[in-house]
Amino acid sequence: MFDFLFGPSYEERKVKNTVMKDKSIIDTSAVVDTMGNYETGVCSPFYNDNNWIIVEEYDTLDEAKKGHKKWCDAMAKKPKQLVDVSRSTAAQLCKDDTLIFKRKDLK
């Protein structure tokens, strides 16, 4: 369950990390704690109280690179909600409708 603690460092796993103008972060990296080989996560003050949401998983590096760009483009359009699709062991413990995060407008 905690294999990621003993694997390669983040810098070794990182595919791409983008910080948007609105302070949202889109991060794509190789993973060892889920069924996919790579995943893209979003951390944004507008969703999930600025906690990470895994928005897509991939099997190949090429898919991960394309997916990262797709999510940067999507986040620029301010989607109404994000869905956590993580298949990690930890995420499976809480799979239900609580993994849908609606956009919050900040004041």
Protein backbone atom coordinates (compact mmCIF):
# COMPACT_ATOMS: atom_id res chain seq x y z
CA MET A 1 0.00 0.00 0.00
CA PHE A 2 2.86 2.40 0.72
CA ASP A 3 5.29 1.26 -2.00
CA PHE A 4 5.64 4.86 -3.19
CA LEU A 5 7.54 5.70 0.01
CA PHE A 6 10.44 3.46 -0.99
CA GLY A 7 10.50 3.96 -4.77
CA PRO A 8 12.26 6.51 -6.98
CA SER A 9 12.21 10.18 -5.95
CA TYR A 10 9.62 12.58 -7.34
CA GLU A 11 12.25 14.22 -9.56
CA GLU A 12 12.99 10.82 -11.11
CA ARG A 13 9.28 10.09 -11.64
CA LYS A 14 8.16 13.54 -12.83
CA VAL A 15 6.89 13.81 -16.39
CA LYS A 16 5.67 17.42 -16.25
CA ASN A 17 4.56 19.94 -13.62
CA THR A 18 2.62 23.06 -14.59
CA VAL A 19 1.51 25.92 -12.35
CA MET A 20 -1.39 27.87 -13.84
CA LYS A 21 -2.00 31.62 -13.44
CA ASP A 22 -4.81 30.88 -10.95
CA LYS A 23 -2.34 28.88 -8.78
CA SER A 24 -3.72 25.50 -9.85
CA ILE A 25 -1.04 22.83 -10.25
CA ILE A 26 -1.22 20.07 -12.85
CA ASP A 27 1.31 17.34 -12.17
CA THR A 28 1.99 14.19 -14.16
CA SER A 29 4.38 11.54 -12.93
CA ALA A 30 5.20 7.84 -12.89
CA VAL A 31 3.56 6.02 -9.99
CA VAL A 32 4.01 2.75 -8.15
CA ASP A 33 0.93 2.74 -5.90
CA THR A 34 -1.82 2.27 -8.50
CA MET A 35 -2.77 0.13 -11.49
CA GLY A 36 -1.58 2.67 -14.08
CA ASN A 37 2.07 3.46 -14.71
CA TYR A 38 1.51 7.24 -14.76
CA GLU A 39 -1.09 9.65 -13.43
CA THR A 40 -2.08 13.30 -13.63
CA GLY A 41 -3.17 15.06 -10.49
CA VAL A 42 -4.65 18.53 -9.99
CA CYS A 43 -4.19 20.62 -6.87
CA SER A 44 -6.25 23.79 -6.99
CA PRO A 45 -7.74 26.29 -4.54
CA PHE A 46 -10.99 25.92 -6.52
CA TYR A 47 -11.46 22.16 -5.93
CA ASN A 48 -11.23 19.84 -2.93
CA ASP A 49 -9.87 22.53 -0.59
CA ASN A 50 -6.59 22.62 -2.53
CA ASN A 51 -5.93 18.88 -2.00
CA TRP A 52 -4.79 16.61 -4.81
CA ILE A 53 -7.31 15.03 -7.17
CA ILE A 54 -6.09 12.28 -9.51
CA VAL A 55 -7.86 13.08 -12.77
CA GLU A 56 -6.38 10.50 -15.15
CA GLU A 57 -4.15 7.42 -15.22
CA TYR A 58 -2.08 6.15 -18.16
CA ASP A 59 -0.19 3.05 -19.22
CA THR A 60 2.54 4.72 -21.31
CA LEU A 61 4.81 7.76 -21.10
CA ASP A 62 3.46 9.07 -24.41
CA GLU A 63 -0.13 8.88 -23.10
CA ALA A 64 0.99 10.68 -19.93
CA LYS A 65 2.57 13.55 -21.89
CA LYS A 66 -0.55 13.96 -24.03
CA GLY A 67 -2.78 13.69 -20.99
CA HIS A 68 -0.83 16.38 -19.14
CA LYS A 69 -1.39 18.84 -21.99
CA LYS A 70 -5.08 17.86 -22.15
CA TRP A 71 -5.50 18.65 -18.44
CA CYS A 72 -3.67 21.96 -18.71
CA ASP A 73 -6.06 22.94 -21.50
CA ALA A 74 -9.08 21.68 -19.52
CA MET A 75 -8.10 23.55 -16.36
CA ALA A 76 -7.71 26.78 -18.33
CA LYS A 77 -11.43 26.43 -19.15
CA LYS A 78 -12.36 26.16 -15.44
CA PRO A 79 -14.38 22.92 -15.42
CA LYS A 80 -17.46 22.77 -13.20
CA GLN A 81 -16.20 19.64 -11.45
CA LEU A 82 -13.31 17.20 -11.23
CA VAL A 83 -13.62 13.48 -10.52
CA ASP A 84 -10.92 11.56 -8.68
CA VAL A 85 -10.26 8.41 -10.72
CA SER A 86 -7.39 7.02 -8.67
CA ARG A 87 -7.17 3.25 -8.51
CA SER A 88 -4.53 3.25 -5.77
CA THR A 89 -5.02 0.94 -2.83
CA ALA A 90 -5.66 3.88 -0.51
CA ALA A 91 -8.23 5.45 -2.86
CA GLN A 92 -10.17 2.19 -3.12
CA LEU A 93 -10.88 2.39 0.60
CA CYS A 94 -13.09 5.47 0.06
CA LYS A 95 -14.57 4.99 -3.42
CA ASP A 96 -18.02 6.55 -3.56
CA ASP A 97 -19.62 9.77 -4.75
CA THR A 98 -17.43 11.81 -2.37
CA LEU A 99 -14.74 11.77 -5.05
CA ILE A 100 -16.60 14.30 -7.21
CA PHE A 101 -15.37 17.81 -6.52
CA LYS A 102 -17.37 20.83 -7.72
CA ARG A 103 -15.62 24.09 -8.53
CA LYS A 104 -15.78 26.69 -5.78
CA ASP A 105 -15.57 30.36 -6.60
CA LEU A 106 -13.19 32.13 -4.24
CA LYS A 107 -13.97 35.56 -2.91
